[in-house]
C-alpha atoms as a PDB file:
ATOM      1  CA  MET A   1       6.380  -9.800  -4.329  1.00  0.00           C
ATOM      2  CA  LYS A   2       7.972  -9.558  -0.745  1.00  0.00           C
ATOM      3  CA  PRO A   3       5.925 -11.627   1.926  1.00  0.00           C
ATOM      4  CA  PHE A   4       4.796  -9.346   4.836  1.00  0.00           C
ATOM      5  CA  HIS A   5       4.453 -10.852   8.459  1.00  0.00           C
ATOM      6  CA  ARG A   6       5.123  -7.602  10.701  1.00  0.00           C
ATOM      7  CA  VAL A   7       6.762  -4.481  11.308  1.00  0.00           C
ATOM      8  CA  SER A   8       7.602  -2.207  13.966  1.00  0.00           C
ATOM      9  CA  GLY A   9       8.865   1.741  14.178  1.00  0.00           C
ATOM     10  CA  PRO A  10       7.793   4.885  14.203  1.00  0.00           C
ATOM     11  CA  VAL A  11       4.604   6.236  12.428  1.00  0.00           C
ATOM     12  CA  ALA A  12       3.895   9.202  10.177  1.00  0.00           C
ATOM     13  CA  VAL A  13       0.616  10.736  10.563  1.00  0.00           C
ATOM     14  CA  LEU A  14      -1.625  12.494   7.806  1.00  0.00           C
ATOM     15  CA  ASP A  15      -4.804  12.932   9.767  1.00  0.00           C
ATOM     16  CA  ARG A  16      -6.772  14.392   7.025  1.00  0.00           C
ATOM     17  CA  PRO A  17     -10.022  12.911   5.562  1.00  0.00           C
ATOM     18  CA  ASP A  18     -10.571  12.303   1.742  1.00  0.00           C
ATOM     19  CA  VAL A  19      -7.150  12.539   0.691  1.00  0.00           C
ATOM     20  CA  ASP A  20      -7.554  11.472  -3.055  1.00  0.00           C
ATOM     21  CA  THR A  21      -5.175   9.619  -5.340  1.00  0.00           C
ATOM     22  CA  ASP A  22      -4.191  13.128  -7.218  1.00  0.00           C
ATOM     23  CA  GLN A  23      -2.533  14.472  -3.904  1.00  0.00           C
ATOM     24  CA  ILE A  24      -0.880  11.208  -3.193  1.00  0.00           C
ATOM     25  CA  ILE A  25       0.811  11.311  -6.743  1.00  0.00           C
ATOM     26  CA  PRO A  26      -0.062  14.389  -8.890  1.00  0.00           C
ATOM     27  CA  LYS A  27      -0.672  13.570 -12.412  1.00  0.00           C
ATOM     28  CA  GLN A  28       2.183  15.211 -14.000  1.00  0.00           C
ATOM     29  CA  PHE A  29       4.243  12.474 -12.868  1.00  0.00           C
ATOM     30  CA  LEU A  30       2.418   9.712 -14.348  1.00  0.00           C
ATOM     31  CA  LYS A  31       4.245   9.980 -17.579  1.00  0.00           C
ATOM     32  CA  ARG A  32       7.068   7.868 -15.997  1.00  0.00           C
ATOM     33  CA  ILE A  33       7.057   4.189 -17.548  1.00  0.00           C
ATOM     34  CA  GLU A  34       8.879   2.574 -14.509  1.00  0.00           C
ATOM     35  CA  ARG A  35       6.984   1.271 -11.604  1.00  0.00           C
ATOM     36  CA  THR A  36       9.752   2.740  -9.283  1.00  0.00           C
ATOM     37  CA  GLY A  37      11.064   5.991  -8.485  1.00  0.00           C
ATOM     38  CA  PHE A  38       7.618   7.769  -7.512  1.00  0.00           C
ATOM     39  CA  GLY A  39       8.373   8.006  -3.750  1.00  0.00           C
ATOM     40  CA  ARG A  40      10.176  11.264  -4.186  1.00  0.00           C
ATOM     41  CA  PHE A  41       7.011  12.548  -5.765  1.00  0.00           C
ATOM     42  CA  LEU A  42       4.740  11.515  -2.873  1.00  0.00           C
ATOM     43  CA  PHE A  43       2.245  14.337  -1.920  1.00  0.00           C
ATOM     44  CA  PHE A  44       4.355  16.496  -4.054  1.00  0.00           C
ATOM     45  CA  ASP A  45       2.067  19.562  -3.989  1.00  0.00           C
ATOM     46  CA  TRP A  46       1.823  19.274  -0.105  1.00  0.00           C
ATOM     47  CA  ARG A  47       5.541  18.425   0.764  1.00  0.00           C
ATOM     48  CA  PHE A  48       7.270  21.316  -1.510  1.00  0.00           C
ATOM     49  CA  ASP A  49       6.829  24.763  -1.882  1.00  0.00           C
ATOM     50  CA  ALA A  50       7.087  26.584  -5.242  1.00  0.00           C
ATOM     51  CA  ASP A  51      10.860  27.018  -4.901  1.00  0.00           C
ATOM     52  CA  GLY A  52      11.122  23.182  -4.302  1.00  0.00           C
ATOM     53  CA  GLN A  53      11.741  23.276  -0.582  1.00  0.00           C
ATOM     54  CA  LEU A  54      10.195  21.302   1.936  1.00  0.00           C
ATOM     55  CA  ARG A  55       7.267  22.800   3.459  1.00  0.00           C
ATOM     56  CA  PRO A  56       7.874  22.795   7.339  1.00  0.00           C
ATOM     57  CA  ASP A  57       4.071  22.741   8.247  1.00  0.00           C
ATOM     58  CA  PHE A  58       3.512  19.423   6.140  1.00  0.00           C
ATOM     59  CA  GLU A  59       3.100  16.281   8.574  1.00  0.00           C
ATOM     60  CA  LEU A  60       5.169  14.125   6.759  1.00  0.00           C
ATOM     61  CA  ASN A  61       8.135  16.764   6.605  1.00  0.00           C
ATOM     62  CA  ASP A  62       8.187  16.332  10.619  1.00  0.00           C
ATOM     63  CA  PRO A  63      11.578  15.030  11.355  1.00  0.00           C
ATOM     64  CA  ASP A  64       9.696  12.426  13.807  1.00  0.00           C
ATOM     65  CA  ALA A  65       8.185  11.329  10.461  1.00  0.00           C
ATOM     66  CA  PHE A  66      11.123  10.534   8.456  1.00  0.00           C
ATOM     67  CA  GLY A  67      11.765   6.689   8.163  1.00  0.00           C
ATOM     68  CA  ALA A  68       8.471   5.859   9.125  1.00  0.00           C
ATOM     69  CA  LYS A  69       7.064   2.654   7.791  1.00  0.00           C
ATOM     70  CA  ILE A  70       3.545   2.909   8.942  1.00  0.00           C
ATOM     71  CA  LEU A  71       0.986   5.652   7.853  1.00  0.00           C
ATOM     72  CA  ILE A  72      -2.026   6.590  10.122  1.00  0.00           C
ATOM     73  CA  ALA A  73      -4.441   8.401   7.678  1.00  0.00           C
ATOM     74  CA  GLY A  74      -7.966   9.811   7.765  1.00  0.00           C
ATOM     75  CA  ALA A  75     -11.101   8.421   6.405  1.00  0.00           C
ATOM     76  CA  ASN A  76     -11.513   7.605   2.719  1.00  0.00           C
ATOM     77  CA  PHE A  77      -7.923   7.552   2.141  1.00  0.00           C
ATOM     78  CA  GLY A  78      -6.909   6.778  -1.654  1.00  0.00           C
ATOM     79  CA  CYS A  79     -10.420   8.104  -2.960  1.00  0.00           C
ATOM     80  CA  GLY A  80     -10.240   9.472  -6.340  1.00  0.00           C
ATOM     81  CA  SER A  81      -8.962   8.047  -9.514  1.00  0.00           C
ATOM     82  CA  SER A  82      -7.902   4.504  -9.946  1.00  0.00           C
ATOM     83  CA  ARG A  83      -4.200   4.988 -10.657  1.00  0.00           C
ATOM     84  CA  GLU A  84      -1.582   2.489  -9.429  1.00  0.00           C
ATOM     85  CA  HIS A  85       0.945   4.859  -9.222  1.00  0.00           C
ATOM     86  CA  ALA A  86      -0.622   6.133  -5.682  1.00  0.00           C
ATOM     87  CA  ALA A  87       0.201   2.612  -4.147  1.00  0.00           C
ATOM     88  CA  TRP A  88       3.539   2.539  -5.847  1.00  0.00           C
ATOM     89  CA  ALA A  89       4.564   5.959  -4.704  1.00  0.00           C
ATOM     90  CA  LEU A  90       3.688   5.189  -1.192  1.00  0.00           C
ATOM     91  CA  ALA A  91       5.510   1.694  -1.145  1.00  0.00           C
ATOM     92  CA  ASP A  92       8.691   3.542  -3.021  1.00  0.00           C
ATOM     93  CA  TYR A  93       8.750   6.206  -0.519  1.00  0.00           C
ATOM     94  CA  GLY A  94       8.982   3.385   2.182  1.00  0.00           C
ATOM     95  CA  PHE A  95       5.782   2.750   3.639  1.00  0.00           C
ATOM     96  CA  GLU A  96       4.507  -0.939   4.470  1.00  0.00           C
ATOM     97  CA  VAL A  97       1.522  -0.119   6.216  1.00  0.00           C
ATOM     98  CA  VAL A  98      -1.326   2.301   6.125  1.00  0.00           C
ATOM     99  CA  ILE A  99      -3.983   2.358   8.701  1.00  0.00           C
ATOM    100  CA  ALA A 100      -7.075   4.160   8.226  1.00  0.00           C
ATOM    101  CA  PRO A 101     -10.918   4.324   8.987  1.00  0.00           C
ATOM    102  CA  SER A 102     -11.763   3.620   5.558  1.00  0.00           C
ATOM    103  CA  PHE A 103     -10.101   3.454   1.966  1.00  0.00           C
ATOM    104  CA  GLY A 104     -11.147   3.880  -1.580  1.00  0.00           C
ATOM    105  CA  ASP A 105     -11.885   0.384  -2.868  1.00  0.00           C
ATOM    106  CA  ILE A 106      -9.916   0.648  -6.131  1.00  0.00           C
ATOM    107  CA  PHE A 107      -7.005   1.956  -4.138  1.00  0.00           C
ATOM    108  CA  ALA A 108      -6.883  -0.729  -1.444  1.00  0.00           C
ATOM    109  CA  THR A 109      -6.909  -3.455  -4.228  1.00  0.00           C
ATOM    110  CA  ASN A 110      -3.898  -1.803  -5.879  1.00  0.00           C
ATOM    111  CA  CYS A 111      -1.773  -1.847  -2.608  1.00  0.00           C
ATOM    112  CA  LEU A 112      -2.657  -5.463  -2.170  1.00  0.00           C
ATOM    113  CA  LYS A 113      -1.112  -6.248  -5.546  1.00  0.00           C
ATOM    114  CA  ILE A 114       2.354  -4.982  -4.433  1.00  0.00           C
ATOM    115  CA  GLY A 115       1.976  -5.997  -1.031  1.00  0.00           C
ATOM    116  CA  LEU A 116       1.237  -2.712   0.659  1.00  0.00           C
ATOM    117  CA  VAL A 117      -0.975  -3.455   3.750  1.00  0.00           C
ATOM    118  CA  THR A 118      -4.242  -1.588   4.346  1.00  0.00           C
ATOM    119  CA  ILE A 119      -5.579  -1.892   7.852  1.00  0.00           C
ATOM    120  CA  VAL A 120      -9.182  -0.562   8.712  1.00  0.00           C
ATOM    121  CA  ARG A 121      -9.718   0.634  11.917  1.00  0.00           C
ATOM    122  CA  PRO A 122     -12.181   3.267  13.651  1.00  0.00           C
ATOM    123  CA  ALA A 123     -11.174   6.465  14.223  1.00  0.00           C
ATOM    124  CA  ASP A 124     -11.546   6.484  18.008  1.00  0.00           C
ATOM    125  CA  GLN A 125      -9.002   3.702  17.944  1.00  0.00           C
ATOM    126  CA  LEU A 126      -6.498   5.526  16.007  1.00  0.00           C
ATOM    127  CA  ARG A 127      -6.756   8.460  18.264  1.00  0.00           C
ATOM    128  CA  PRO A 128      -4.537   7.065  20.816  1.00  0.00           C
ATOM    129  CA  LEU A 129      -1.974   5.950  18.387  1.00  0.00           C
ATOM    130  CA  ILE A 130      -1.808   9.246  16.791  1.00  0.00           C
ATOM    131  CA  ASP A 131      -1.576  11.230  20.015  1.00  0.00           C
ATOM    132  CA  SER A 132       1.360   8.863  21.024  1.00  0.00           C
ATOM    133  CA  SER A 133       3.389   9.292  17.811  1.00  0.00           C
ATOM    134  CA  GLY A 134       6.593  11.079  17.622  1.00  0.00           C
ATOM    135  CA  GLY A 135      10.070  10.884  19.290  1.00  0.00           C
ATOM    136  CA  ASP A 136      10.756   7.311  20.166  1.00  0.00           C
ATOM    137  CA  ALA A 137       7.316   5.899  20.189  1.00  0.00           C
ATOM    138  CA  PHE A 138       7.310   2.865  18.286  1.00  0.00           C
ATOM    139  CA  VAL A 139       3.964   0.799  16.990  1.00  0.00           C
ATOM    140  CA  GLU A 140       4.094  -2.673  15.784  1.00  0.00           C
ATOM    141  CA  VAL A 141       1.744  -4.002  13.159  1.00  0.00           C
ATOM    142  CA  ASP A 142       1.648  -8.025  13.183  1.00  0.00           C
ATOM    143  CA  LEU A 143      -0.469  -9.456  10.385  1.00  0.00           C
ATOM    144  CA  GLU A 144      -0.007 -13.129  11.652  1.00  0.00           C
ATOM    145  CA  ARG A 145      -1.550 -12.160  15.128  1.00  0.00           C
ATOM    146  CA  GLN A 146      -3.999  -9.581  13.495  1.00  0.00           C
ATOM    147  CA  LEU A 147      -2.581  -6.928  16.169  1.00  0.00           C
ATOM    148  CA  ILE A 148      -1.923  -3.465  16.250  1.00  0.00           C
ATOM    149  CA  VAL A 149       0.629  -2.688  19.454  1.00  0.00           C
ATOM    150  CA  ASP A 150       0.620   0.856  20.421  1.00  0.00           C
ATOM    151  CA  PRO A 151       3.804   2.595  22.373  1.00  0.00           C
ATOM    152  CA  ALA A 152       2.257   1.521  25.834  1.00  0.00           C
ATOM    153  CA  GLY A 153       1.976  -1.976  24.883  1.00  0.00           C
ATOM    154  CA  ARG A 154      -1.720  -2.114  24.283  1.00  0.00           C
ATOM    155  CA  GLU A 155      -3.023  -4.470  21.719  1.00  0.00           C
ATOM    156  CA  ILE A 156      -5.483  -3.407  19.355  1.00  0.00           C
ATOM    157  CA  PRO A 157      -7.036  -6.399  16.933  1.00  0.00           C
ATOM    158  CA  PHE A 158      -8.040  -5.666  13.540  1.00  0.00           C
ATOM    159  CA  ASP A 159      -9.988  -7.968  11.238  1.00  0.00           C
ATOM    160  CA  PHE A 160      -8.424  -8.842   7.641  1.00  0.00           C
ATOM    161  CA  ASP A 161      -9.801 -10.896   4.700  1.00  0.00           C
ATOM    162  CA  PRO A 162      -8.525 -14.552   5.049  1.00  0.00           C
ATOM    163  CA  PHE A 163      -7.554 -14.794   1.503  1.00  0.00           C
ATOM    164  CA  GLN A 164      -5.781 -11.340   1.039  1.00  0.00           C
ATOM    165  CA  ARG A 165      -4.012 -12.213   4.436  1.00  0.00           C
ATOM    166  CA  GLU A 166      -2.846 -15.376   2.995  1.00  0.00           C
ATOM    167  CA  CYS A 167      -1.557 -13.728  -0.235  1.00  0.00           C
ATOM    168  CA  LEU A 168       0.340 -10.982   1.781  1.00  0.00           C
ATOM    169  CA  LEU A 169       1.982 -13.368   4.201  1.00  0.00           C
ATOM    170  CA  ASN A 170       3.216 -15.756   1.601  1.00  0.00           C
ATOM    171  CA  GLY A 171       4.111 -12.984  -0.996  1.00  0.00           C
ATOM    172  CA  LEU A 172       1.628 -14.051  -3.588  1.00  0.00           C
ATOM    173  CA  ASP A 173       0.805 -11.612  -6.504  1.00  0.00           C
ATOM    174  CA  ASP A 174      -1.637 -12.461  -9.220  1.00  0.00           C
ATOM    175  CA  ILE A 175       1.078 -14.125 -11.275  1.00  0.00           C
ATOM    176  CA  ALA A 176       2.424 -16.036  -8.509  1.00  0.00           C
ATOM    177  CA  ARG A 177      -0.980 -17.479  -7.653  1.00  0.00           C
ATOM    178  CA  ALA A 178      -1.547 -18.331 -11.240  1.00  0.00           C
ATOM    179  CA  LEU A 179       1.986 -19.973 -11.569  1.00  0.00           C
ATOM    180  CA  ALA A 180       1.039 -22.130  -8.280  1.00  0.00           C
ATOM    181  CA  HIS A 181      -1.171 -23.775 -10.987  1.00  0.00           C
ATOM    182  CA  GLU A 182       1.167 -24.208 -13.603  1.00  0.00           C
ATOM    183  CA  ASP A 183       1.033 -27.959 -13.914  1.00  0.00           C
ATOM    184  CA  ARG A 184      -2.733 -27.944 -14.034  1.00  0.00           C
ATOM    185  CA  ILE A 185      -2.782 -25.065 -16.564  1.00  0.00           C
ATOM    186  CA  GLN A 186      -0.324 -27.198 -18.812  1.00  0.00           C
ATOM    187  CA  THR A 187      -2.341 -30.216 -18.564  1.00  0.00           C
ATOM    188  CA  TYR A 188      -5.395 -28.268 -19.500  1.00  0.00           C
ATOM    189  CA  GLU A 189      -3.477 -26.493 -22.548  1.00  0.00           C
ATOM    190  CA  THR A 190      -2.251 -29.839 -23.927  1.00  0.00           C
ATOM    191  CA  SER A 191      -5.483 -31.755 -23.612  1.00  0.00           C
ATOM    192  CA  HIS A 192      -7.502 -29.182 -25.377  1.00  0.00           C
ATOM    193  CA  PRO A 193      -7.150 -28.341 -29.206  1.00  0.00           C
ATOM    194  CA  ALA A 194      -6.163 -25.056 -30.159  1.00  0.00           C
ATOM    195  CA  ARG A 195      -9.440 -22.807 -30.584  1.00  0.00           C
ATOM    196  CA  VAL A 196      -8.002 -20.869 -33.643  1.00  0.00           C
ATOM    197  CA  SER A 197      -6.079 -22.840 -36.586  1.00  0.00           C
ATOM    198  CA  THR A 198      -2.670 -21.166 -37.246  1.00  0.00           C
ATOM    199  CA  THR A 199      -2.201 -23.255 -40.539  1.00  0.00           C
ATOM    200  CA  ALA A 200      -3.456 -20.512 -42.513  1.00  0.00           C
ATOM    201  CA  LEU A 201      -0.898 -18.119 -40.953  1.00  0.00           C
ATOM    202  CA  GLU A 202       2.051 -20.327 -41.808  1.00  0.00           C
ATOM    203  CA  VAL A 203       4.357 -18.543 -44.162  1.00  0.00           C
ATOM    204  CA  SER A 204       5.653 -21.102 -46.967  1.00  0.00           C
END
């Protein structure tokens, strides 16, 4: 996956608690067999009205939120089902970082697997970021220094699991981590006899 070091830009704010994965990507769109193209269905029931028009009162439809790569969300974001499509939809829409007071555990794991950064910060630390969002206000997220820099230049440190941080900085997903040990895997495979004989399966 693509390595992540830092991102800077405007933020989108969805200050609602308990946003579940069925709202992030509704179930009717899970029939797709690709892992891409889900972005246009993100928050579909909230973004669009019955005629397919953008709802002007939905937060992500605010012009100030267009093009944002950082999403600030409410507590327990990504709760509900374990569907990977929720993380895929957020990334496909263009988000690289989601910051919230807490996340659904499986959702956060799914995000890590595709390089979408989830950062946990208390609600009182997010309030200044929310209040200063919009217009030309930019926020920076730096994973190397583990800092969020608000539009006024104030630095907000954040904790991050060292193993997960190393994976994100180096763009290592599960397959890449396994391939890093390819020589050792090959040595093991060649030095151990097959556990199942294939002789009986051979066709003369």
